[in-house]
């Protein structure tokens, strides 16, 4: 396996701060190898940073299950100040999907099997992207056709869905993210074109209430989008793998919640007819 960094192109006036960090299988001449599904991990971090060590641990976990895995370092608030941040991270994710399709042969990726997994505010980015991937404003911004930006599936882990339901905690922080918060309520923009979606959350999440996921689940259900959701009874925010590898405090090691990884792999196998281990 090789690790690589792919800078994403500058879009408009924004500073070119975004990149993909990849964990990619190299060709083994002794094994007949297919093109692999690709997973883009979009970490959380309150739109101010991402926990790169945690993102790498998650990437290696999913790479071991049979995916070509990348994590996205999207633009942060400081990268675009004094302008509000959104929709730049959504554009970054679109640029990442487009980049993987352009490099599909090089990285042995099946271009019809690109999946995005968002955590916390990364879930906000992925849920909004799942809503808007074929919208005129995004396709024109990226100079792409809608099919080039399509996801095979979306995975949302304790996602922020709206900016008026727990996160952010102050009007000052909100103003740095957007001056149009209703425009970025992901549950209000779901359509029948949204990709199949897997959601999980803990019911007592103190930072991003489970009501975020419940709202998005209801919107997907109303639009008849294929969806699976799991709500665990306990666990702090930011669980990541919910095991010792990513437990940033004692209570973040939650063996019951850690089943979400296996549940996700099973769901991907059934939904996309994959053969992940």
C-alpha atoms as a PDB file:
ATOM      1  CA  UNK A   1       0.000   0.000   0.000  1.00  0.00           C
ATOM      2  CA  UNK A   2       1.232   3.479  -0.756  1.00  0.00           C
ATOM      3  CA  UNK A   3       0.328   6.800   0.819  1.00  0.00           C
ATOM      4  CA  UNK A   4      -0.089   9.799  -1.448  1.00  0.00           C
ATOM      5  CA  UNK A   5      -1.319  13.387  -1.380  1.00  0.00           C
ATOM      6  CA  UNK A   6      -3.394  14.873  -4.192  1.00  0.00           C
ATOM      7  CA  UNK A   7      -3.792  18.668  -4.118  1.00  0.00           C
ATOM      8  CA  UNK A   8      -7.226  19.765  -5.279  1.00  0.00           C
ATOM      9  CA  UNK A   9      -7.504  22.571  -7.810  1.00  0.00           C
ATOM     10  CA  UNK A  10      -8.179  26.142  -6.770  1.00  0.00           C
ATOM     11  CA  UNK A  11     -11.797  27.081  -7.496  1.00  0.00           C
ATOM     12  CA  UNK A  12     -12.481  30.763  -8.030  1.00  0.00           C
ATOM     13  CA  UNK A  13     -10.778  33.117  -5.582  1.00  0.00           C
ATOM     14  CA  UNK A  14     -10.398  30.629  -2.753  1.00  0.00           C
ATOM     15  CA  UNK A  15      -6.954  29.685  -1.479  1.00  0.00           C
ATOM     16  CA  UNK A  16      -5.992  26.220  -2.728  1.00  0.00           C
ATOM     17  CA  UNK A  17      -5.821  24.615   0.729  1.00  0.00           C
ATOM     18  CA  UNK A  18      -7.766  21.424   0.036  1.00  0.00           C
ATOM     19  CA  UNK A  19      -6.197  18.042  -0.670  1.00  0.00           C
ATOM     20  CA  UNK A  20      -6.849  14.312  -0.604  1.00  0.00           C
ATOM     21  CA  UNK A  21      -4.618  11.979   1.412  1.00  0.00           C
ATOM     22  CA  UNK A  22      -4.810   8.507  -0.081  1.00  0.00           C
ATOM     23  CA  UNK A  23      -4.092   4.967   1.133  1.00  0.00           C
ATOM     24  CA  UNK A  24      -3.977   2.971  -2.069  1.00  0.00           C
ATOM     25  CA  UNK A  25      -3.252  -0.664  -2.832  1.00  0.00           C
ATOM     26  CA  UNK A  26      -0.469  -1.223  -5.313  1.00  0.00           C
ATOM     27  CA  UNK A  27      -0.627  -3.889  -7.993  1.00  0.00           C
ATOM     28  CA  UNK A  28       0.290  -7.386  -6.796  1.00  0.00           C
ATOM     29  CA  UNK A  29       1.270  -9.415  -9.898  1.00  0.00           C
ATOM     30  CA  UNK A  30       0.507 -12.672  -8.039  1.00  0.00           C
ATOM     31  CA  UNK A  31      -3.164 -11.782  -7.548  1.00  0.00           C
ATOM     32  CA  UNK A  32      -5.893 -11.054 -10.066  1.00  0.00           C
ATOM     33  CA  UNK A  33      -7.128  -7.712  -8.827  1.00  0.00           C
ATOM     34  CA  UNK A  34     -10.346  -5.948  -9.734  1.00  0.00           C
ATOM     35  CA  UNK A  35     -10.951  -2.227  -9.655  1.00  0.00           C
ATOM     36  CA  UNK A  36     -11.774  -1.339  -6.060  1.00  0.00           C
ATOM     37  CA  UNK A  37     -14.541   0.809  -4.583  1.00  0.00           C
ATOM     38  CA  UNK A  38     -13.244   4.148  -3.299  1.00  0.00           C
ATOM     39  CA  UNK A  39     -14.129   5.784   0.015  1.00  0.00           C
ATOM     40  CA  UNK A  40     -13.645   9.494   0.713  1.00  0.00           C
ATOM     41  CA  UNK A  41     -13.603  10.161   4.463  1.00  0.00           C
ATOM     42  CA  UNK A  42     -14.687  13.707   5.358  1.00  0.00           C
ATOM     43  CA  UNK A  43     -13.643  14.277   8.985  1.00  0.00           C
ATOM     44  CA  UNK A  44     -15.190  16.611  11.529  1.00  0.00           C
ATOM     45  CA  UNK A  45     -13.490  19.411  13.427  1.00  0.00           C
ATOM     46  CA  UNK A  46     -16.008  22.261  13.787  1.00  0.00           C
ATOM     47  CA  UNK A  47     -14.967  23.681  10.400  1.00  0.00           C
ATOM     48  CA  UNK A  48     -11.711  24.879  12.011  1.00  0.00           C
ATOM     49  CA  UNK A  49      -9.473  21.798  11.653  1.00  0.00           C
ATOM     50  CA  UNK A  50      -9.552  18.056  11.084  1.00  0.00           C
ATOM     51  CA  UNK A  51      -8.036  15.374  13.375  1.00  0.00           C
ATOM     52  CA  UNK A  52      -5.613  13.962  10.819  1.00  0.00           C
ATOM     53  CA  UNK A  53      -4.267  11.144  13.025  1.00  0.00           C
ATOM     54  CA  UNK A  54      -7.814   9.938  13.659  1.00  0.00           C
ATOM     55  CA  UNK A  55      -8.664  10.270   9.961  1.00  0.00           C
ATOM     56  CA  UNK A  56      -5.642   8.145   9.077  1.00  0.00           C
ATOM     57  CA  UNK A  57      -6.642   5.442  11.565  1.00  0.00           C
ATOM     58  CA  UNK A  58     -10.129   5.305  10.068  1.00  0.00           C
ATOM     59  CA  UNK A  59      -8.706   5.258   6.551  1.00  0.00           C
ATOM     60  CA  UNK A  60      -6.455   2.301   7.332  1.00  0.00           C
ATOM     61  CA  UNK A  61      -9.372   0.445   8.946  1.00  0.00           C
ATOM     62  CA  UNK A  62     -11.524   0.755   5.839  1.00  0.00           C
ATOM     63  CA  UNK A  63      -8.588   0.079   3.522  1.00  0.00           C
ATOM     64  CA  UNK A  64      -8.167  -3.261   5.320  1.00  0.00           C
ATOM     65  CA  UNK A  65     -11.777  -4.086   4.416  1.00  0.00           C
ATOM     66  CA  UNK A  66     -11.138  -3.815   0.674  1.00  0.00           C
ATOM     67  CA  UNK A  67     -11.535  -0.144  -0.307  1.00  0.00           C
ATOM     68  CA  UNK A  68      -9.190   2.407  -1.794  1.00  0.00           C
ATOM     69  CA  UNK A  69      -9.453   5.089   0.876  1.00  0.00           C
ATOM     70  CA  UNK A  70      -8.803   8.816   0.926  1.00  0.00           C
ATOM     71  CA  UNK A  71      -9.528  11.493   3.471  1.00  0.00           C
ATOM     72  CA  UNK A  72     -10.402  15.042   2.502  1.00  0.00           C
ATOM     73  CA  UNK A  73      -8.717  18.076   3.987  1.00  0.00           C
ATOM     74  CA  UNK A  74     -11.323  20.656   2.977  1.00  0.00           C
ATOM     75  CA  UNK A  75     -11.165  24.424   3.437  1.00  0.00           C
ATOM     76  CA  UNK A  76     -11.520  25.723   6.993  1.00  0.00           C
ATOM     77  CA  UNK A  77     -12.962  29.005   8.249  1.00  0.00           C
ATOM     78  CA  UNK A  78      -9.493  30.574   8.459  1.00  0.00           C
ATOM     79  CA  UNK A  79      -8.740  29.690   4.835  1.00  0.00           C
ATOM     80  CA  UNK A  80     -11.509  31.887   3.431  1.00  0.00           C
ATOM     81  CA  UNK A  81     -11.931  34.603   6.085  1.00  0.00           C
ATOM     82  CA  UNK A  82     -13.358  37.214   6.177  1.00  0.00           C
ATOM     83  CA  UNK A  83     -15.896  35.587   3.840  1.00  0.00           C
ATOM     84  CA  UNK A  84     -18.263  32.914   5.202  1.00  0.00           C
ATOM     85  CA  UNK A  85     -16.998  29.377   4.647  1.00  0.00           C
ATOM     86  CA  UNK A  86     -19.940  27.648   2.966  1.00  0.00           C
ATOM     87  CA  UNK A  87     -20.375  26.373   0.304  1.00  0.00           C
ATOM     88  CA  UNK A  88     -16.607  25.924  -0.219  1.00  0.00           C
ATOM     89  CA  UNK A  89     -16.246  22.526   1.544  1.00  0.00           C
ATOM     90  CA  UNK A  90     -19.100  21.166  -0.581  1.00  0.00           C
ATOM     91  CA  UNK A  91     -17.205  22.309  -3.665  1.00  0.00           C
ATOM     92  CA  UNK A  92     -14.055  20.670  -2.249  1.00  0.00           C
ATOM     93  CA  UNK A  93     -15.860  17.348  -1.977  1.00  0.00           C
ATOM     94  CA  UNK A  94     -17.056  17.691  -5.559  1.00  0.00           C
ATOM     95  CA  UNK A  95     -13.495  18.395  -6.673  1.00  0.00           C
ATOM     96  CA  UNK A  96     -12.373  15.290  -4.767  1.00  0.00           C
ATOM     97  CA  UNK A  97     -14.974  13.069  -6.469  1.00  0.00           C
ATOM     98  CA  UNK A  98     -14.012  14.509  -9.847  1.00  0.00           C
ATOM     99  CA  UNK A  99     -10.307  13.959  -9.134  1.00  0.00           C
ATOM    100  CA  UNK A 100     -10.832  10.302  -8.232  1.00  0.00           C
ATOM    101  CA  UNK A 101     -12.807   9.711 -11.407  1.00  0.00           C
ATOM    102  CA  UNK A 102     -10.024  11.323 -13.426  1.00  0.00           C
ATOM    103  CA  UNK A 103      -7.434   9.060 -11.733  1.00  0.00           C
ATOM    104  CA  UNK A 104      -9.614   5.938 -11.580  1.00  0.00           C
ATOM    105  CA  UNK A 105      -7.379   3.847 -13.831  1.00  0.00           C
ATOM    106  CA  UNK A 106      -4.172   4.918 -12.074  1.00  0.00           C
ATOM    107  CA  UNK A 107      -5.540   4.107  -8.606  1.00  0.00           C
ATOM    108  CA  UNK A 108      -7.490   0.982  -9.649  1.00  0.00           C
ATOM    109  CA  UNK A 109     -10.827   2.545  -8.688  1.00  0.00           C
ATOM    110  CA  UNK A 110     -14.211   1.529 -10.034  1.00  0.00           C
ATOM    111  CA  UNK A 111     -15.530   4.972 -11.036  1.00  0.00           C
ATOM    112  CA  UNK A 112     -19.141   3.898 -10.422  1.00  0.00           C
ATOM    113  CA  UNK A 113     -18.358   2.985  -6.801  1.00  0.00           C
ATOM    114  CA  UNK A 114     -17.222   6.212  -5.147  1.00  0.00           C
ATOM    115  CA  UNK A 115     -18.580   6.569  -1.602  1.00  0.00           C
ATOM    116  CA  UNK A 116     -18.337   9.492   0.842  1.00  0.00           C
ATOM    117  CA  UNK A 117     -18.338   9.115   4.629  1.00  0.00           C
ATOM    118  CA  UNK A 118     -18.819  12.241   6.736  1.00  0.00           C
ATOM    119  CA  UNK A 119     -18.278  12.640  10.490  1.00  0.00           C
ATOM    120  CA  UNK A 120     -19.853  15.496  12.496  1.00  0.00           C
ATOM    121  CA  UNK A 121     -19.428  18.645  10.341  1.00  0.00           C
ATOM    122  CA  UNK A 122     -17.958  16.304   7.737  1.00  0.00           C
ATOM    123  CA  UNK A 123     -21.420  14.763   7.778  1.00  0.00           C
ATOM    124  CA  UNK A 124     -22.846  18.212   7.104  1.00  0.00           C
ATOM    125  CA  UNK A 125     -20.623  18.471   4.031  1.00  0.00           C
ATOM    126  CA  UNK A 126     -21.513  14.973   2.780  1.00  0.00           C
ATOM    127  CA  UNK A 127     -25.255  15.370   3.409  1.00  0.00           C
ATOM    128  CA  UNK A 128     -25.340  18.687   1.563  1.00  0.00           C
ATOM    129  CA  UNK A 129     -23.253  17.259  -1.271  1.00  0.00           C
ATOM    130  CA  UNK A 130     -25.654  14.318  -1.498  1.00  0.00           C
ATOM    131  CA  UNK A 131     -28.463  16.864  -1.854  1.00  0.00           C
ATOM    132  CA  UNK A 132     -26.777  19.138  -4.376  1.00  0.00           C
ATOM    133  CA  UNK A 133     -24.432  16.979  -6.493  1.00  0.00           C
ATOM    134  CA  UNK A 134     -26.450  17.537  -9.678  1.00  0.00           C
ATOM    135  CA  UNK A 135     -27.405  21.148  -9.008  1.00  0.00           C
ATOM    136  CA  UNK A 136     -26.574  23.768 -11.606  1.00  0.00           C
ATOM    137  CA  UNK A 137     -24.546  25.936  -9.229  1.00  0.00           C
ATOM    138  CA  UNK A 138     -22.228  23.055  -8.295  1.00  0.00           C
ATOM    139  CA  UNK A 139     -21.775  21.567 -11.769  1.00  0.00           C
ATOM    140  CA  UNK A 140     -21.034  25.006 -13.201  1.00  0.00           C
ATOM    141  CA  UNK A 141     -18.597  25.834 -10.407  1.00  0.00           C
ATOM    142  CA  UNK A 142     -16.688  22.609 -11.050  1.00  0.00           C
ATOM    143  CA  UNK A 143     -17.154  22.716 -14.838  1.00  0.00           C
ATOM    144  CA  UNK A 144     -18.424  19.143 -14.707  1.00  0.00           C
ATOM    145  CA  UNK A 145     -21.350  17.062 -15.848  1.00  0.00           C
ATOM    146  CA  UNK A 146     -23.657  15.765 -13.090  1.00  0.00           C
ATOM    147  CA  UNK A 147     -22.712  12.114 -13.695  1.00  0.00           C
ATOM    148  CA  UNK A 148     -19.072  12.994 -13.007  1.00  0.00           C
ATOM    149  CA  UNK A 149     -20.034  14.129  -9.490  1.00  0.00           C
ATOM    150  CA  UNK A 150     -22.422  11.333  -8.523  1.00  0.00           C
ATOM    151  CA  UNK A 151     -21.862   9.266  -5.371  1.00  0.00           C
ATOM    152  CA  UNK A 152     -22.698   5.578  -5.169  1.00  0.00           C
ATOM    153  CA  UNK A 153     -23.530   5.929  -1.466  1.00  0.00           C
ATOM    154  CA  UNK A 154     -23.230   8.252   1.516  1.00  0.00           C
ATOM    155  CA  UNK A 155     -22.304   7.330   5.098  1.00  0.00           C
ATOM    156  CA  UNK A 156     -23.173   9.809   7.854  1.00  0.00           C
ATOM    157  CA  UNK A 157     -21.668   9.417  11.320  1.00  0.00           C
ATOM    158  CA  UNK A 158     -23.183  11.670  14.040  1.00  0.00           C
ATOM    159  CA  UNK A 159     -23.697  14.327  11.346  1.00  0.00           C
ATOM    160  CA  UNK A 160     -24.497  17.986  11.658  1.00  0.00           C
ATOM    161  CA  UNK A 161     -27.536  18.371   9.407  1.00  0.00           C
ATOM    162  CA  UNK A 162     -28.748  21.855  10.292  1.00  0.00           C
ATOM    163  CA  UNK A 163     -26.972  24.868  11.757  1.00  0.00           C
ATOM    164  CA  UNK A 164     -29.774  25.573  14.237  1.00  0.00           C
ATOM    165  CA  UNK A 165     -29.844  22.196  16.015  1.00  0.00           C
ATOM    166  CA  UNK A 166     -26.961  22.113  18.483  1.00  0.00           C
ATOM    167  CA  UNK A 167     -24.049  23.253  16.315  1.00  0.00           C
ATOM    168  CA  UNK A 168     -22.721  25.924  16.173  1.00  0.00           C
ATOM    169  CA  UNK A 169     -23.128  27.230  19.686  1.00  0.00           C
ATOM    170  CA  UNK A 170     -22.877  30.966  18.979  1.00  0.00           C
ATOM    171  CA  UNK A 171     -24.024  33.505  16.406  1.00  0.00           C
ATOM    172  CA  UNK A 172     -20.411  34.617  16.003  1.00  0.00           C
ATOM    173  CA  UNK A 173     -19.370  31.121  14.958  1.00  0.00           C
ATOM    174  CA  UNK A 174     -22.402  30.778  12.697  1.00  0.00           C
ATOM    175  CA  UNK A 175     -21.555  34.017  10.883  1.00  0.00           C
ATOM    176  CA  UNK A 176     -18.118  32.615  10.034  1.00  0.00           C
ATOM    177  CA  UNK A 177     -19.721  29.515   8.525  1.00  0.00           C
ATOM    178  CA  UNK A 178     -22.556  31.125   6.546  1.00  0.00           C
ATOM    179  CA  UNK A 179     -24.803  34.165   6.311  1.00  0.00           C
ATOM    180  CA  UNK A 180     -27.562  31.946   4.846  1.00  0.00           C
ATOM    181  CA  UNK A 181     -28.116  29.174   7.420  1.00  0.00           C
ATOM    182  CA  UNK A 182     -31.470  28.051   6.003  1.00  0.00           C
ATOM    183  CA  UNK A 183     -29.785  27.365   2.649  1.00  0.00           C
ATOM    184  CA  UNK A 184     -27.552  24.793   4.339  1.00  0.00           C
ATOM    185  CA  UNK A 185     -30.229  22.801   6.170  1.00  0.00           C
ATOM    186  CA  UNK A 186     -29.521  19.443   4.545  1.00  0.00           C
ATOM    187  CA  UNK A 187     -32.826  17.871   5.540  1.00  0.00           C
ATOM    188  CA  UNK A 188     -34.708  20.500   3.534  1.00  0.00           C
ATOM    189  CA  UNK A 189     -32.874  19.833   0.260  1.00  0.00           C
ATOM    190  CA  UNK A 190     -33.222  16.041  -0.051  1.00  0.00           C
ATOM    191  CA  UNK A 191     -34.558  14.815  -3.406  1.00  0.00           C
ATOM    192  CA  UNK A 192     -35.158  11.479  -5.079  1.00  0.00           C
ATOM    193  CA  UNK A 193     -31.669  11.877  -6.606  1.00  0.00           C
ATOM    194  CA  UNK A 194     -29.911  11.487  -3.250  1.00  0.00           C
ATOM    195  CA  UNK A 195     -27.666   8.408  -3.059  1.00  0.00           C
ATOM    196  CA  UNK A 196     -28.409   5.461  -0.793  1.00  0.00           C
ATOM    197  CA  UNK A 197     -27.466   6.559   2.725  1.00  0.00           C
ATOM    198  CA  UNK A 198     -26.278   4.919   5.963  1.00  0.00           C
ATOM    199  CA  UNK A 199     -26.674   6.946   9.178  1.00  0.00           C
ATOM    200  CA  UNK A 200     -25.599   6.328  12.763  1.00  0.00           C
ATOM    201  CA  UNK A 201     -25.737   8.459  15.873  1.00  0.00           C
ATOM    202  CA  UNK A 202     -25.797   8.105  19.662  1.00  0.00           C
ATOM    203  CA  UNK A 203     -29.000   9.213  21.340  1.00  0.00           C
ATOM    204  CA  UNK A 204     -27.266  11.175  24.102  1.00  0.00           C
ATOM    205  CA  UNK A 205     -24.706  12.967  21.914  1.00  0.00           C
ATOM    206  CA  UNK A 206     -24.210  16.205  23.876  1.00  0.00           C
ATOM    207  CA  UNK A 207     -22.730  18.313  21.063  1.00  0.00           C
ATOM    208  CA  UNK A 208     -24.661  17.348  17.917  1.00  0.00           C
ATOM    209  CA  UNK A 209     -28.088  16.071  19.016  1.00  0.00           C
ATOM    210  CA  UNK A 210     -29.467  12.937  17.383  1.00  0.00           C
ATOM    211  CA  UNK A 211     -32.357  15.076  16.135  1.00  0.00           C
ATOM    212  CA  UNK A 212     -30.025  16.059  13.288  1.00  0.00           C
ATOM    213  CA  UNK A 213     -29.912  12.482  12.002  1.00  0.00           C
ATOM    214  CA  UNK A 214     -33.597  11.916  12.717  1.00  0.00           C
ATOM    215  CA  UNK A 215     -34.537  14.902  10.559  1.00  0.00           C
ATOM    216  CA  UNK A 216     -32.389  13.714   7.672  1.00  0.00           C
ATOM    217  CA  UNK A 217     -33.673  10.156   8.013  1.00  0.00           C
ATOM    218  CA  UNK A 218     -37.257  11.424   7.805  1.00  0.00           C
ATOM    219  CA  UNK A 219     -36.437  13.484   4.710  1.00  0.00           C
ATOM    220  CA  UNK A 220     -34.810  10.501   2.972  1.00  0.00           C
ATOM    221  CA  UNK A 221     -37.782   8.315   3.896  1.00  0.00           C
ATOM    222  CA  UNK A 222     -40.229  10.841   2.456  1.00  0.00           C
ATOM    223  CA  UNK A 223     -38.298  10.909  -0.827  1.00  0.00           C
ATOM    224  CA  UNK A 224     -38.056   7.080  -0.878  1.00  0.00           C
ATOM    225  CA  UNK A 225     -34.256   7.175  -0.903  1.00  0.00           C
ATOM    226  CA  UNK A 226     -32.756   3.828   0.240  1.00  0.00           C
ATOM    227  CA  UNK A 227     -31.567   4.354   3.816  1.00  0.00           C
ATOM    228  CA  UNK A 228     -30.415   2.392   6.853  1.00  0.00           C
ATOM    229  CA  UNK A 229     -30.056   4.037  10.264  1.00  0.00           C
ATOM    230  CA  UNK A 230     -28.736   2.942  13.668  1.00  0.00           C
ATOM    231  CA  UNK A 231     -29.240   4.904  16.875  1.00  0.00           C
ATOM    232  CA  UNK A 232     -27.145   3.692  19.804  1.00  0.00           C
ATOM    233  CA  UNK A 233     -28.273   4.418  23.359  1.00  0.00           C
ATOM    234  CA  UNK A 234     -25.019   5.969  24.620  1.00  0.00           C
ATOM    235  CA  UNK A 235     -21.791   7.527  23.459  1.00  0.00           C
ATOM    236  CA  UNK A 236     -20.086  10.944  23.431  1.00  0.00           C
ATOM    237  CA  UNK A 237     -19.660  13.006  20.308  1.00  0.00           C
ATOM    238  CA  UNK A 238     -16.691  12.308  18.047  1.00  0.00           C
ATOM    239  CA  UNK A 239     -16.560   8.548  18.515  1.00  0.00           C
ATOM    240  CA  UNK A 240     -14.942   7.801  15.140  1.00  0.00           C
ATOM    241  CA  UNK A 241     -14.353   4.011  15.220  1.00  0.00           C
ATOM    242  CA  UNK A 242     -15.677   3.941  18.819  1.00  0.00           C
ATOM    243  CA  UNK A 243     -12.833   1.644  19.856  1.00  0.00           C
ATOM    244  CA  UNK A 244      -9.477   2.004  21.625  1.00  0.00           C
ATOM    245  CA  UNK A 245      -7.753   3.108  18.433  1.00  0.00           C
ATOM    246  CA  UNK A 246      -9.715   6.354  18.256  1.00  0.00           C
ATOM    247  CA  UNK A 247     -10.857   6.788  21.880  1.00  0.00           C
ATOM    248  CA  UNK A 248      -9.811  10.350  22.691  1.00  0.00           C
ATOM    249  CA  UNK A 249     -11.215   9.862  26.206  1.00  0.00           C
ATOM    250  CA  UNK A 250     -12.215   6.801  28.257  1.00  0.00           C
ATOM    251  CA  UNK A 251     -15.908   7.051  27.416  1.00  0.00           C
ATOM    252  CA  UNK A 252     -15.121   7.132  23.686  1.00  0.00           C
ATOM    253  CA  UNK A 253     -14.271   3.425  23.759  1.00  0.00           C
ATOM    254  CA  UNK A 254     -17.754   2.005  23.155  1.00  0.00           C
ATOM    255  CA  UNK A 255     -17.634  -1.653  22.000  1.00  0.00           C
ATOM    256  CA  UNK A 256     -21.366  -1.755  21.281  1.00  0.00           C
ATOM    257  CA  UNK A 257     -21.255   1.362  19.097  1.00  0.00           C
ATOM    258  CA  UNK A 258     -18.115   0.059  17.365  1.00  0.00           C
ATOM    259  CA  UNK A 259     -20.350  -2.419  15.548  1.00  0.00           C
ATOM    260  CA  UNK A 260     -21.199   0.441  13.194  1.00  0.00           C
ATOM    261  CA  UNK A 261     -18.161  -0.423  11.069  1.00  0.00           C
ATOM    262  CA  UNK A 262     -19.285  -4.000  10.428  1.00  0.00           C
ATOM    263  CA  UNK A 263     -22.866  -2.838   9.883  1.00  0.00           C
ATOM    264  CA  UNK A 264     -21.638  -0.341   7.310  1.00  0.00           C
ATOM    265  CA  UNK A 265     -19.605  -2.954   5.435  1.00  0.00           C
ATOM    266  CA  UNK A 266     -22.589  -5.328   5.393  1.00  0.00           C
ATOM    267  CA  UNK A 267     -24.817  -2.520   4.131  1.00  0.00           C
ATOM    268  CA  UNK A 268     -22.365  -1.548   1.384  1.00  0.00           C
ATOM    269  CA  UNK A 269     -22.114  -5.182   0.268  1.00  0.00           C
ATOM    270  CA  UNK A 270     -25.883  -5.485   0.014  1.00  0.00           C
ATOM    271  CA  UNK A 271     -26.596  -2.042  -1.395  1.00  0.00           C
ATOM    272  CA  UNK A 272     -23.814  -1.855  -3.986  1.00  0.00           C
ATOM    273  CA  UNK A 273     -23.354  -5.599  -4.580  1.00  0.00           C
ATOM    274  CA  UNK A 274     -19.775  -5.417  -3.273  1.00  0.00           C
ATOM    275  CA  UNK A 275     -17.665  -8.179  -1.770  1.00  0.00           C
ATOM    276  CA  UNK A 276     -15.881  -6.364   1.046  1.00  0.00           C
ATOM    277  CA  UNK A 277     -14.501  -8.444   3.891  1.00  0.00           C
END
